[in-house]
Amino acid sequence: MYKNFTICLVFTFLLAFSYSGCSRQLADNQIQFGVQAAQKELWDEAIFRWKKVIESDPNSAAAHNNLAVAYEKKGLWDEAKREYEIASKISPKNKYIKSNYENFIKNYESFKKEKKDGKS
């Protein structure tokens, strides 16, 4: 009986481990597919792909950062800001996320000023 329990436990562990590996690979594929769509300026497709990654892995800093970039490109400033903040919290030392967020803040401040002045 103990042997059967051990075999079941090992099998369950291996199944969970292999599933997490597949899940990670699928997330990586979705991120890459989103990048390819973004390179073609297919922002809605890129957003769709990165949202799929976030559904399965809410702690993917790369997906949140990429989603923020896409929102920024579409002029969805508030959504972009939210995603940059999430990415920054998940990976506060990531230099790419930091750089993107800093550049975004500069653009966002200009946008808010223009909006306040009635230019947009």
PDB file of N, CA and C in Angstrom:
ATOM      1  N   MET A   1       0.824  -1.180   0.000  1.00  0.00           N
ATOM      2  CA  MET A   1       0.000   0.000   0.000  1.00  0.00           C
ATOM      3  C   MET A   1       0.876   1.255   0.000  1.00  0.00           C
ATOM      4  N   TYR A   2       1.913   1.253   0.848  1.00  0.00           N
ATOM      5  CA  TYR A   2       2.825   2.399   0.913  1.00  0.00           C
ATOM      6  C   TYR A   2       3.522   2.598  -0.422  1.00  0.00           C
ATOM      7  N   LYS A   3       3.862   1.483  -1.091  1.00  0.00           N
ATOM      8  CA  LYS A   3       4.527   1.555  -2.389  1.00  0.00           C
ATOM      9  C   LYS A   3       3.608   2.215  -3.425  1.00  0.00           C
ATOM     10  N   ASN A   4       2.337   1.837  -3.440  1.00  0.00           N
ATOM     11  CA  ASN A   4       1.381   2.436  -4.375  1.00  0.00           C
ATOM     12  C   ASN A   4       1.215   3.932  -4.106  1.00  0.00           C
ATOM     13  N   PHE A   5       1.155   4.287  -2.830  1.00  0.00           N
ATOM     14  CA  PHE A   5       1.032   5.701  -2.467  1.00  0.00           C
ATOM     15  C   PHE A   5       2.258   6.472  -2.948  1.00  0.00           C
ATOM     16  N   THR A   6       3.443   5.922  -2.772  1.00  0.00           N
ATOM     17  CA  THR A   6       4.678   6.569  -3.197  1.00  0.00           C
ATOM     18  C   THR A   6       4.704   6.727  -4.716  1.00  0.00           C
ATOM     19  N   ILE A   7       4.307   5.690  -5.415  1.00  0.00           N
ATOM     20  CA  ILE A   7       4.273   5.761  -6.882  1.00  0.00           C
ATOM     21  C   ILE A   7       3.283   6.831  -7.329  1.00  0.00           C
ATOM     22  N   CYS A   8       2.118   6.879  -6.705  1.00  0.00           N
ATOM     23  CA  CYS A   8       1.130   7.912  -7.050  1.00  0.00           C
ATOM     24  C   CYS A   8       1.669   9.304  -6.764  1.00  0.00           C
ATOM     25  N   LEU A   9       2.328   9.443  -5.644  1.00  0.00           N
ATOM     26  CA  LEU A   9       2.881  10.742  -5.266  1.00  0.00           C
ATOM     27  C   LEU A   9       3.958  11.184  -6.265  1.00  0.00           C
ATOM     28  N   VAL A  10       4.835  10.276  -6.638  1.00  0.00           N
ATOM     29  CA  VAL A  10       5.883  10.582  -7.613  1.00  0.00           C
ATOM     30  C   VAL A  10       5.258  10.918  -8.961  1.00  0.00           C
ATOM     31  N   PHE A  11       4.272  10.139  -9.380  1.00  0.00           N
ATOM     32  CA  PHE A  11       3.605  10.398 -10.652  1.00  0.00           C
ATOM     33  C   PHE A  11       2.931  11.772 -10.637  1.00  0.00           C
ATOM     34  N   THR A  12       2.260  12.099  -9.554  1.00  0.00           N
ATOM     35  CA  THR A  12       1.605  13.402  -9.432  1.00  0.00           C
ATOM     36  C   THR A  12       2.621  14.532  -9.500  1.00  0.00           C
ATOM     37  N   PHE A  13       3.740  14.346  -8.818  1.00  0.00           N
ATOM     38  CA  PHE A  13       4.796  15.363  -8.847  1.00  0.00           C
ATOM     39  C   PHE A  13       5.327  15.544 -10.263  1.00  0.00           C
ATOM     40  N   LEU A  14       5.602  14.442 -10.955  1.00  0.00           N
ATOM     41  CA  LEU A  14       6.121  14.518 -12.330  1.00  0.00           C
ATOM     42  C   LEU A  14       5.105  15.158 -13.274  1.00  0.00           C
ATOM     43  N   LEU A  15       3.847  14.815 -13.089  1.00  0.00           N
ATOM     44  CA  LEU A  15       2.802  15.395 -13.918  1.00  0.00           C
ATOM     45  C   LEU A  15       2.715  16.904 -13.690  1.00  0.00           C
ATOM     46  N   ALA A  16       2.729  17.307 -12.442  1.00  0.00           N
ATOM     47  CA  ALA A  16       2.674  18.734 -12.127  1.00  0.00           C
ATOM     48  C   ALA A  16       3.905  19.460 -12.661  1.00  0.00           C
ATOM     49  N   PHE A  17       5.061  18.829 -12.516  1.00  0.00           N
ATOM     50  CA  PHE A  17       6.303  19.431 -13.001  1.00  0.00           C
ATOM     51  C   PHE A  17       6.280  19.571 -14.522  1.00  0.00           C
ATOM     52  N   SER A  18       5.852  18.533 -15.214  1.00  0.00           N
ATOM     53  CA  SER A  18       5.825  18.596 -16.677  1.00  0.00           C
ATOM     54  C   SER A  18       4.778  19.595 -17.147  1.00  0.00           C
ATOM     55  N   TYR A  19       3.652  19.689 -16.438  1.00  0.00           N
ATOM     56  CA  TYR A  19       2.620  20.656 -16.802  1.00  0.00           C
ATOM     57  C   TYR A  19       3.135  22.075 -16.635  1.00  0.00           C
ATOM     58  N   SER A  20       3.850  22.331 -15.551  1.00  0.00           N
ATOM     59  CA  SER A  20       4.366  23.686 -15.347  1.00  0.00           C
ATOM     60  C   SER A  20       5.396  24.029 -16.418  1.00  0.00           C
ATOM     61  N   GLY A  21       6.162  23.051 -16.863  1.00  0.00           N
ATOM     62  CA  GLY A  21       7.121  23.284 -17.943  1.00  0.00           C
ATOM     63  C   GLY A  21       6.411  23.587 -19.244  1.00  0.00           C
ATOM     64  N   CYS A  22       5.345  22.839 -19.539  1.00  0.00           N
ATOM     65  CA  CYS A  22       4.557  23.104 -20.742  1.00  0.00           C
ATOM     66  C   CYS A  22       3.892  24.456 -20.652  1.00  0.00           C
ATOM     67  N   SER A  23       3.364  24.752 -19.484  1.00  0.00           N
ATOM     68  CA  SER A  23       2.699  26.031 -19.284  1.00  0.00           C
ATOM     69  C   SER A  23       3.668  27.182 -19.509  1.00  0.00           C
ATOM     70  N   ARG A  24       4.878  27.036 -19.003  1.00  0.00           N
ATOM     71  CA  ARG A  24       5.894  28.080 -19.172  1.00  0.00           C
ATOM     72  C   ARG A  24       6.255  28.241 -20.646  1.00  0.00           C
ATOM     73  N   GLN A  25       6.378  27.114 -21.342  1.00  0.00           N
ATOM     74  CA  GLN A  25       6.711  27.170 -22.758  1.00  0.00           C
ATOM     75  C   GLN A  25       5.583  27.829 -23.548  1.00  0.00           C
ATOM     76  N   LEU A  26       4.334  27.506 -23.208  1.00  0.00           N
ATOM     77  CA  LEU A  26       3.203  28.130 -23.886  1.00  0.00           C
ATOM     78  C   LEU A  26       3.179  29.638 -23.632  1.00  0.00           C
ATOM     79  N   ALA A  27       3.470  30.041 -22.403  1.00  0.00           N
ATOM     80  CA  ALA A  27       3.519  31.467 -22.085  1.00  0.00           C
ATOM     81  C   ALA A  27       4.632  32.153 -22.879  1.00  0.00           C
ATOM     82  N   ASP A  28       5.789  31.519 -22.940  1.00  0.00           N
ATOM     83  CA  ASP A  28       6.901  32.078 -23.711  1.00  0.00           C
ATOM     84  C   ASP A  28       6.526  32.210 -25.190  1.00  0.00           C
ATOM     85  N   ASN A  29       5.823  31.199 -25.708  1.00  0.00           N
ATOM     86  CA  ASN A  29       5.386  31.251 -27.105  1.00  0.00           C
ATOM     87  C   ASN A  29       4.409  32.400 -27.334  1.00  0.00           C
ATOM     88  N   GLN A  30       3.500  32.596 -26.385  1.00  0.00           N
ATOM     89  CA  GLN A  30       2.536  33.689 -26.503  1.00  0.00           C
ATOM     90  C   GLN A  30       3.240  35.043 -26.454  1.00  0.00           C
ATOM     91  N   ILE A  31       4.213  35.169 -25.554  1.00  0.00           N
ATOM     92  CA  ILE A  31       4.969  36.419 -25.476  1.00  0.00           C
ATOM     93  C   ILE A  31       5.665  36.679 -26.810  1.00  0.00           C
ATOM     94  N   GLN A  32       6.309  35.661 -27.359  1.00  0.00           N
ATOM     95  CA  GLN A  32       7.029  35.811 -28.627  1.00  0.00           C
ATOM     96  C   GLN A  32       6.078  36.132 -29.772  1.00  0.00           C
ATOM     97  N   PHE A  33       4.933  35.479 -29.777  1.00  0.00           N
ATOM     98  CA  PHE A  33       3.942  35.752 -30.812  1.00  0.00           C
ATOM     99  C   PHE A  33       3.479  37.211 -30.706  1.00  0.00           C
ATOM    100  N   GLY A  34       3.275  37.674 -29.481  1.00  0.00           N
ATOM    101  CA  GLY A  34       2.902  39.069 -29.267  1.00  0.00           C
ATOM    102  C   GLY A  34       3.975  40.027 -29.757  1.00  0.00           C
ATOM    103  N   VAL A  35       5.235  39.691 -29.525  1.00  0.00           N
ATOM    104  CA  VAL A  35       6.347  40.525 -29.990  1.00  0.00           C
ATOM    105  C   VAL A  35       6.329  40.604 -31.515  1.00  0.00           C
ATOM    106  N   GLN A  36       6.126  39.465 -32.167  1.00  0.00           N
ATOM    107  CA  GLN A  36       6.073  39.456 -33.627  1.00  0.00           C
ATOM    108  C   GLN A  36       4.916  40.310 -34.148  1.00  0.00           C
ATOM    109  N   ALA A  37       3.781  40.228 -33.483  1.00  0.00           N
ATOM    110  CA  ALA A  37       2.628  41.048 -33.882  1.00  0.00           C
ATOM    111  C   ALA A  37       2.947  42.527 -33.683  1.00  0.00           C
ATOM    112  N   ALA A  38       3.591  42.857 -32.581  1.00  0.00           N
ATOM    113  CA  ALA A  38       3.942  44.255 -32.297  1.00  0.00           C
ATOM    114  C   ALA A  38       4.921  44.789 -33.339  1.00  0.00           C
ATOM    115  N   GLN A  39       5.849  43.968 -33.762  1.00  0.00           N
ATOM    116  CA  GLN A  39       6.813  44.393 -34.778  1.00  0.00           C
ATOM    117  C   GLN A  39       6.117  44.740 -36.093  1.00  0.00           C
ATOM    118  N   LYS A  40       4.964  44.125 -36.313  1.00  0.00           N
ATOM    119  CA  LYS A  40       4.164  44.422 -37.506  1.00  0.00           C
ATOM    120  C   LYS A  40       3.107  45.488 -37.210  1.00  0.00           C
ATOM    121  N   GLU A  41       3.182  46.044 -36.005  1.00  0.00           N
ATOM    122  CA  GLU A  41       2.237  47.054 -35.510  1.00  0.00           C
ATOM    123  C   GLU A  41       0.808  46.537 -35.470  1.00  0.00           C
ATOM    124  N   LEU A  42       0.659  45.260 -35.196  1.00  0.00           N
ATOM    125  CA  LEU A  42      -0.648  44.641 -34.979  1.00  0.00           C
ATOM    126  C   LEU A  42      -0.920  44.646 -33.478  1.00  0.00           C
ATOM    127  N   TRP A  43      -1.209  45.830 -32.968  1.00  0.00           N
ATOM    128  CA  TRP A  43      -1.274  46.027 -31.524  1.00  0.00           C
ATOM    129  C   TRP A  43      -2.401  45.255 -30.856  1.00  0.00           C
ATOM    130  N   ASP A  44      -3.545  45.128 -31.519  1.00  0.00           N
ATOM    131  CA  ASP A  44      -4.646  44.379 -30.910  1.00  0.00           C
ATOM    132  C   ASP A  44      -4.279  42.905 -30.742  1.00  0.00           C
ATOM    133  N   GLU A  45      -3.611  42.355 -31.738  1.00  0.00           N
ATOM    134  CA  GLU A  45      -3.160  40.961 -31.638  1.00  0.00           C
ATOM    135  C   GLU A  45      -2.124  40.803 -30.529  1.00  0.00           C
ATOM    136  N   ALA A  46      -1.199  41.741 -30.454  1.00  0.00           N
ATOM    137  CA  ALA A  46      -0.171  41.691 -29.410  1.00  0.00           C
ATOM    138  C   ALA A  46      -0.824  41.768 -28.030  1.00  0.00           C
ATOM    139  N   ILE A  47      -1.770  42.672 -27.883  1.00  0.00           N
ATOM    140  CA  ILE A  47      -2.480  42.814 -26.604  1.00  0.00           C
ATOM    141  C   ILE A  47      -3.184  41.517 -26.247  1.00  0.00           C
ATOM    142  N   PHE A  48      -3.856  40.918 -27.223  1.00  0.00           N
ATOM    143  CA  PHE A  48      -4.544  39.648 -26.993  1.00  0.00           C
ATOM    144  C   PHE A  48      -3.576  38.589 -26.484  1.00  0.00           C
ATOM    145  N   ARG A  49      -2.417  38.464 -27.103  1.00  0.00           N
ATOM    146  CA  ARG A  49      -1.430  37.440 -26.720  1.00  0.00           C
ATOM    147  C   ARG A  49      -0.904  37.682 -25.314  1.00  0.00           C
ATOM    148  N   TRP A  50      -0.559  38.939 -25.011  1.00  0.00           N
ATOM    149  CA  TRP A  50       0.018  39.223 -23.693  1.00  0.00           C
ATOM    150  C   TRP A  50      -1.012  39.108 -22.582  1.00  0.00           C
ATOM    151  N   LYS A  51      -2.265  39.395 -22.888  1.00  0.00           N
ATOM    152  CA  LYS A  51      -3.321  39.181 -21.888  1.00  0.00           C
ATOM    153  C   LYS A  51      -3.473  37.689 -21.593  1.00  0.00           C
ATOM    154  N   LYS A  52      -3.328  36.853 -22.624  1.00  0.00           N
ATOM    155  CA  LYS A  52      -3.400  35.401 -22.426  1.00  0.00           C
ATOM    156  C   LYS A  52      -2.303  34.934 -21.477  1.00  0.00           C
ATOM    157  N   VAL A  53      -1.110  35.490 -21.637  1.00  0.00           N
ATOM    158  CA  VAL A  53      -0.005  35.126 -20.750  1.00  0.00           C
ATOM    159  C   VAL A  53      -0.346  35.524 -19.320  1.00  0.00           C
ATOM    160  N   ILE A  54      -0.860  36.730 -19.141  1.00  0.00           N
ATOM    161  CA  ILE A  54      -1.176  37.233 -17.804  1.00  0.00           C
ATOM    162  C   ILE A  54      -2.282  36.409 -17.154  1.00  0.00           C
ATOM    163  N   GLU A  55      -3.226  35.916 -17.950  1.00  0.00           N
ATOM    164  CA  GLU A  55      -4.266  35.037 -17.408  1.00  0.00           C
ATOM    165  C   GLU A  55      -3.663  33.791 -16.787  1.00  0.00           C
ATOM    166  N   SER A  56      -2.660  33.237 -17.443  1.00  0.00           N
ATOM    167  CA  SER A  56      -2.059  32.003 -16.933  1.00  0.00           C
ATOM    168  C   SER A  56      -0.900  32.272 -15.973  1.00  0.00           C
ATOM    169  N   ASP A  57      -0.289  33.444 -16.080  1.00  0.00           N
ATOM    170  CA  ASP A  57       0.833  33.789 -15.205  1.00  0.00           C
ATOM    171  C   ASP A  57       0.771  35.278 -14.857  1.00  0.00           C
ATOM    172  N   PRO A  58      -0.020  35.629 -13.837  1.00  0.00           N
ATOM    173  CA  PRO A  58      -0.185  37.040 -13.469  1.00  0.00           C
ATOM    174  C   PRO A  58       1.115  37.718 -13.023  1.00  0.00           C
ATOM    175  N   ASN A  59       2.133  36.933 -12.727  1.00  0.00           N
ATOM    176  CA  ASN A  59       3.409  37.496 -12.280  1.00  0.00           C
ATOM    177  C   ASN A  59       4.447  37.587 -13.397  1.00  0.00           C
ATOM    178  N   SER A  60       4.003  37.579 -14.632  1.00  0.00           N
ATOM    179  CA  SER A  60       4.920  37.722 -15.760  1.00  0.00           C
ATOM    180  C   SER A  60       5.197  39.206 -15.977  1.00  0.00           C
ATOM    181  N   ALA A  61       6.339  39.639 -15.500  1.00  0.00           N
ATOM    182  CA  ALA A  61       6.724  41.047 -15.662  1.00  0.00           C
ATOM    183  C   ALA A  61       6.855  41.393 -17.135  1.00  0.00           C
ATOM    184  N   ALA A  62       7.375  40.463 -17.924  1.00  0.00           N
ATOM    185  CA  ALA A  62       7.547  40.708 -19.363  1.00  0.00           C
ATOM    186  C   ALA A  62       6.199  40.952 -20.034  1.00  0.00           C
ATOM    187  N   ALA A  63       5.206  40.143 -19.712  1.00  0.00           N
ATOM    188  CA  ALA A  63       3.882  40.305 -20.327  1.00  0.00           C
ATOM    189  C   ALA A  63       3.255  41.636 -19.924  1.00  0.00           C
ATOM    190  N   HIS A  64       3.370  41.996 -18.649  1.00  0.00           N
ATOM    191  CA  HIS A  64       2.813  43.277 -18.198  1.00  0.00           C
ATOM    192  C   HIS A  64       3.537  44.448 -18.863  1.00  0.00           C
ATOM    193  N   ASN A  65       4.852  44.365 -18.951  1.00  0.00           N
ATOM    194  CA  ASN A  65       5.628  45.422 -19.595  1.00  0.00           C
ATOM    195  C   ASN A  65       5.249  45.548 -21.078  1.00  0.00           C
ATOM    196  N   ASN A  66       5.186  44.416 -21.764  1.00  0.00           N
ATOM    197  CA  ASN A  66       4.844  44.440 -23.182  1.00  0.00           C
ATOM    198  C   ASN A  66       3.426  44.956 -23.401  1.00  0.00           C
ATOM    199  N   LEU A  67       2.517  44.547 -22.532  1.00  0.00           N
ATOM    200  CA  LEU A  67       1.145  45.021 -22.622  1.00  0.00           C
ATOM    201  C   LEU A  67       1.094  46.539 -22.418  1.00  0.00           C
ATOM    202  N   ALA A  68       1.894  47.032 -21.491  1.00  0.00           N
ATOM    203  CA  ALA A  68       1.964  48.475 -21.256  1.00  0.00           C
ATOM    204  C   ALA A  68       2.441  49.214 -22.501  1.00  0.00           C
ATOM    205  N   VAL A  69       3.460  48.673 -23.151  1.00  0.00           N
ATOM    206  CA  VAL A  69       3.975  49.287 -24.380  1.00  0.00           C
ATOM    207  C   VAL A  69       2.876  49.338 -25.446  1.00  0.00           C
ATOM    208  N   ALA A  70       2.153  48.244 -25.587  1.00  0.00           N
ATOM    209  CA  ALA A  70       1.082  48.191 -26.582  1.00  0.00           C
ATOM    210  C   ALA A  70      -0.011  49.207 -26.270  1.00  0.00           C
ATOM    211  N   TYR A  71      -0.399  49.280 -25.006  1.00  0.00           N
ATOM    212  CA  TYR A  71      -1.411  50.262 -24.617  1.00  0.00           C
ATOM    213  C   TYR A  71      -0.924  51.678 -24.894  1.00  0.00           C
ATOM    214  N   GLU A  72       0.340  51.917 -24.603  1.00  0.00           N
ATOM    215  CA  GLU A  72       0.915  53.233 -24.860  1.00  0.00           C
ATOM    216  C   GLU A  72       0.850  53.558 -26.358  1.00  0.00           C
ATOM    217  N   LYS A  73       1.209  52.593 -27.186  1.00  0.00           N
ATOM    218  CA  LYS A  73       1.186  52.801 -28.636  1.00  0.00           C
ATOM    219  C   LYS A  73      -0.224  53.101 -29.135  1.00  0.00           C
ATOM    220  N   LYS A  74      -1.226  52.527 -28.467  1.00  0.00           N
ATOM    221  CA  LYS A  74      -2.612  52.756 -28.860  1.00  0.00           C
ATOM    222  C   LYS A  74      -3.207  54.012 -28.218  1.00  0.00           C
ATOM    223  N   GLY A  75      -2.415  54.680 -27.390  1.00  0.00           N
ATOM    224  CA  GLY A  75      -2.912  55.887 -26.728  1.00  0.00           C
ATOM    225  C   GLY A  75      -3.792  55.608 -25.532  1.00  0.00           C
ATOM    226  N   LEU A  76      -3.725  54.395 -25.013  1.00  0.00           N
ATOM    227  CA  LEU A  76      -4.505  54.014 -23.829  1.00  0.00           C
ATOM    228  C   LEU A  76      -3.626  54.256 -22.595  1.00  0.00           C
ATOM    229  N   TRP A  77      -3.484  55.513 -22.250  1.00  0.00           N
ATOM    230  CA  TRP A  77      -2.503  55.952 -21.259  1.00  0.00           C
ATOM    231  C   TRP A  77      -2.745  55.386 -19.869  1.00  0.00           C
ATOM    232  N   ASP A  78      -3.972  55.404 -19.415  1.00  0.00           N
ATOM    233  CA  ASP A  78      -4.252  54.913 -18.062  1.00  0.00           C
ATOM    234  C   ASP A  78      -3.989  53.419 -17.947  1.00  0.00           C
ATOM    235  N   GLU A  79      -4.379  52.681 -18.982  1.00  0.00           N
ATOM    236  CA  GLU A  79      -4.126  51.236 -18.990  1.00  0.00           C
ATOM    237  C   GLU A  79      -2.623  50.954 -19.024  1.00  0.00           C
ATOM    238  N   ALA A  80      -1.902  51.735 -19.824  1.00  0.00           N
ATOM    239  CA  ALA A  80      -0.450  51.566 -19.908  1.00  0.00           C
ATOM    240  C   ALA A  80       0.194  51.832 -18.553  1.00  0.00           C
ATOM    241  N   LYS A  81      -0.225  52.896 -17.908  1.00  0.00           N
ATOM    242  CA  LYS A  81       0.337  53.250 -16.599  1.00  0.00           C
ATOM    243  C   LYS A  81       0.125  52.116 -15.593  1.00  0.00           C
ATOM    244  N   ARG A  82      -1.091  51.578 -15.580  1.00  0.00           N
ATOM    245  CA  ARG A  82      -1.405  50.480 -14.661  1.00  0.00           C
ATOM    246  C   ARG A  82      -0.489  49.279 -14.920  1.00  0.00           C
ATOM    247  N   GLU A  83      -0.295  48.925 -16.190  1.00  0.00           N
ATOM    248  CA  GLU A  83       0.530  47.758 -16.515  1.00  0.00           C
ATOM    249  C   GLU A  83       2.007  47.998 -16.207  1.00  0.00           C
ATOM    250  N   TYR A  84       2.497  49.211 -16.459  1.00  0.00           N
ATOM    251  CA  TYR A  84       3.886  49.525 -16.098  1.00  0.00           C
ATOM    252  C   TYR A  84       4.077  49.416 -14.588  1.00  0.00           C
ATOM    253  N   GLU A  85       3.107  49.891 -13.834  1.00  0.00           N
ATOM    254  CA  GLU A  85       3.219  49.822 -12.371  1.00  0.00           C
ATOM    255  C   GLU A  85       3.246  48.375 -11.894  1.00  0.00           C
ATOM    256  N   ILE A  86       2.418  47.541 -12.492  1.00  0.00           N
ATOM    257  CA  ILE A  86       2.412  46.118 -12.119  1.00  0.00           C
ATOM    258  C   ILE A  86       3.757  45.481 -12.470  1.00  0.00           C
ATOM    259  N   ALA A  87       4.238  45.727 -13.682  1.00  0.00           N
ATOM    260  CA  ALA A  87       5.525  45.164 -14.106  1.00  0.00           C
ATOM    261  C   ALA A  87       6.645  45.623 -13.183  1.00  0.00           C
ATOM    262  N   SER A  88       6.612  46.895 -12.790  1.00  0.00           N
ATOM    263  CA  SER A  88       7.647  47.441 -11.904  1.00  0.00           C
ATOM    264  C   SER A  88       7.605  46.810 -10.519  1.00  0.00           C
ATOM    265  N   LYS A  89       6.410  46.512 -10.038  1.00  0.00           N
ATOM    266  CA  LYS A  89       6.286  45.854  -8.726  1.00  0.00           C
ATOM    267  C   LYS A  89       6.785  44.415  -8.782  1.00  0.00           C
ATOM    268  N   ILE A  90       6.501  43.744  -9.881  1.00  0.00           N
ATOM    269  CA  ILE A  90       6.918  42.347 -10.026  1.00  0.00           C
ATOM    270  C   ILE A  90       8.432  42.245 -10.164  1.00  0.00           C
ATOM    271  N   SER A  91       9.005  43.149 -10.947  1.00  0.00           N
ATOM    272  CA  SER A  91      10.446  43.083 -11.220  1.00  0.00           C
ATOM    273  C   SER A  91      11.066  44.483 -11.084  1.00  0.00           C
ATOM    274  N   PRO A  92      11.221  44.946  -9.850  1.00  0.00           N
ATOM    275  CA  PRO A  92      11.663  46.330  -9.624  1.00  0.00           C
ATOM    276  C   PRO A  92      13.076  46.650 -10.103  1.00  0.00           C
ATOM    277  N   LYS A  93      13.911  45.649 -10.301  1.00  0.00           N
ATOM    278  CA  LYS A  93      15.296  45.903 -10.723  1.00  0.00           C
ATOM    279  C   LYS A  93      15.515  45.698 -12.221  1.00  0.00           C
ATOM    280  N   ASN A  94      14.465  45.359 -12.936  1.00  0.00           N
ATOM    281  CA  ASN A  94      14.594  45.115 -14.370  1.00  0.00           C
ATOM    282  C   ASN A  94      14.846  46.433 -15.090  1.00  0.00           C
ATOM    283  N   LYS A  95      16.004  46.554 -15.717  1.00  0.00           N
ATOM    284  CA  LYS A  95      16.402  47.830 -16.327  1.00  0.00           C
ATOM    285  C   LYS A  95      15.540  48.194 -17.530  1.00  0.00           C
ATOM    286  N   TYR A  96      15.031  47.203 -18.259  1.00  0.00           N
ATOM    287  CA  TYR A  96      14.191  47.488 -19.417  1.00  0.00           C
ATOM    288  C   TYR A  96      12.835  48.048 -18.971  1.00  0.00           C
ATOM    289  N   ILE A  97      12.271  47.425 -17.958  1.00  0.00           N
ATOM    290  CA  ILE A  97      10.992  47.903 -17.437  1.00  0.00           C
ATOM    291  C   ILE A  97      11.162  49.303 -16.863  1.00  0.00           C
ATOM    292  N   LYS A  98      12.235  49.514 -16.106  1.00  0.00           N
ATOM    293  CA  LYS A  98      12.513  50.844 -15.551  1.00  0.00           C
ATOM    294  C   LYS A  98      12.609  51.895 -16.646  1.00  0.00           C
ATOM    295  N   SER A  99      13.371  51.591 -17.676  1.00  0.00           N
ATOM    296  CA  SER A  99      13.571  52.524 -18.780  1.00  0.00           C
ATOM    297  C   SER A  99      12.254  52.818 -19.499  1.00  0.00           C
ATOM    298  N   ASN A 100      11.501  51.772 -19.804  1.00  0.00           N
ATOM    299  CA  ASN A 100      10.210  51.959 -20.469  1.00  0.00           C
ATOM    300  C   ASN A 100       9.268  52.814 -19.623  1.00  0.00           C
ATOM    301  N   TYR A 101       9.242  52.517 -18.332  1.00  0.00           N
ATOM    302  CA  TYR A 101       8.343  53.244 -17.428  1.00  0.00           C
ATOM    303  C   TYR A 101       8.756  54.708 -17.310  1.00  0.00           C
ATOM    304  N   GLU A 102      10.046  54.968 -17.208  1.00  0.00           N
ATOM    305  CA  GLU A 102      10.523  56.352 -17.128  1.00  0.00           C
ATOM    306  C   GLU A 102      10.178  57.133 -18.391  1.00  0.00           C
ATOM    307  N   ASN A 103      10.375  56.521 -19.552  1.00  0.00           N
ATOM    308  CA  ASN A 103      10.010  57.173 -20.816  1.00  0.00           C
ATOM    309  C   ASN A 103       8.504  57.389 -20.901  1.00  0.00           C
ATOM    310  N   PHE A 104       7.762  56.408 -20.440  1.00  0.00           N
ATOM    311  CA  PHE A 104       6.306  56.540 -20.442  1.00  0.00           C
ATOM    312  C   PHE A 104       5.860  57.719 -19.588  1.00  0.00           C
ATOM    313  N   ILE A 105       6.431  57.839 -18.400  1.00  0.00           N
ATOM    314  CA  ILE A 105       6.036  58.912 -17.481  1.00  0.00           C
ATOM    315  C   ILE A 105       6.238  60.276 -18.142  1.00  0.00           C
ATOM    316  N   LYS A 106       7.337  60.443 -18.848  1.00  0.00           N
ATOM    317  CA  LYS A 106       7.577  61.713 -19.555  1.00  0.00           C
ATOM    318  C   LYS A 106       6.466  61.974 -20.578  1.00  0.00           C
ATOM    319  N   ASN A 107       6.149  60.965 -21.367  1.00  0.00           N
ATOM    320  CA  ASN A 107       5.095  61.105 -22.375  1.00  0.00           C
ATOM    321  C   ASN A 107       3.725  61.290 -21.733  1.00  0.00           C
ATOM    322  N   TYR A 108       3.499  60.589 -20.658  1.00  0.00           N
ATOM    323  CA  TYR A 108       2.213  60.648 -19.957  1.00  0.00           C
ATOM    324  C   TYR A 108       1.985  62.036 -19.370  1.00  0.00           C
ATOM    325  N   GLU A 109       3.031  62.606 -18.803  1.00  0.00           N
ATOM    326  CA  GLU A 109       2.917  63.964 -18.247  1.00  0.00           C
ATOM    327  C   GLU A 109       2.567  64.960 -19.349  1.00  0.00           C
ATOM    328  N   SER A 110       3.186  64.825 -20.516  1.00  0.00           N
ATOM    329  CA  SER A 110       2.873  65.691 -21.655  1.00  0.00           C
ATOM    330  C   SER A 110       1.426  65.499 -22.092  1.00  0.00           C
ATOM    331  N   PHE A 111       0.990  64.250 -22.136  1.00  0.00           N
ATOM    332  CA  PHE A 111      -0.384  63.940 -22.513  1.00  0.00           C
ATOM    333  C   PHE A 111      -1.363  64.585 -21.543  1.00  0.00           C
ATOM    334  N   LYS A 112      -1.109  64.427 -20.246  1.00  0.00           N
ATOM    335  CA  LYS A 112      -2.010  64.998 -19.245  1.00  0.00           C
ATOM    336  C   LYS A 112      -2.054  66.522 -19.360  1.00  0.00           C
ATOM    337  N   LYS A 113      -0.894  67.131 -19.610  1.00  0.00           N
ATOM    338  CA  LYS A 113      -0.838  68.588 -19.744  1.00  0.00           C
ATOM    339  C   LYS A 113      -1.628  69.043 -20.961  1.00  0.00           C
ATOM    340  N   GLU A 114      -1.462  68.346 -22.084  1.00  0.00           N
ATOM    341  CA  GLU A 114      -2.208  68.682 -23.294  1.00  0.00           C
ATOM    342  C   GLU A 114      -3.701  68.500 -23.080  1.00  0.00           C
ATOM    343  N   LYS A 115      -4.070  67.443 -22.415  1.00  0.00           N
ATOM    344  CA  LYS A 115      -5.481  67.171 -22.144  1.00  0.00           C
ATOM    345  C   LYS A 115      -6.072  68.267 -21.258  1.00  0.00           C
ATOM    346  N   LYS A 116      -5.299  68.678 -20.261  1.00  0.00           N
ATOM    347  CA  LYS A 116      -5.743  69.730 -19.343  1.00  0.00           C
ATOM    348  C   LYS A 116      -5.898  71.054 -20.082  1.00  0.00           C
ATOM    349  N   ASP A 117      -4.983  71.312 -21.013  1.00  0.00           N
ATOM    350  CA  ASP A 117      -5.024  72.555 -21.788  1.00  0.00           C
ATOM    351  C   ASP A 117      -6.044  72.508 -22.915  1.00  0.00           C
ATOM    352  N   GLY A 118      -6.698  71.352 -23.090  1.00  0.00           N
ATOM    353  CA  GLY A 118      -7.739  71.220 -24.098  1.00  0.00           C
ATOM    354  C   GLY A 118      -7.230  70.984 -25.505  1.00  0.00           C
ATOM    355  N   LYS A 119      -6.030  70.504 -25.626  1.00  0.00           N
ATOM    356  CA  LYS A 119      -5.443  70.286 -26.960  1.00  0.00           C
ATOM    357  C   LYS A 119      -5.759  68.901 -27.526  1.00  0.00           C
ATOM    358  N   SER A 120      -6.302  68.013 -26.722  1.00  0.00           N
ATOM    359  CA  SER A 120      -6.524  66.682 -27.288  1.00  0.00           C
ATOM    360  C   SER A 120      -7.970  66.338 -27.375  1.00  0.00           C
TER     361      SER A 120
END
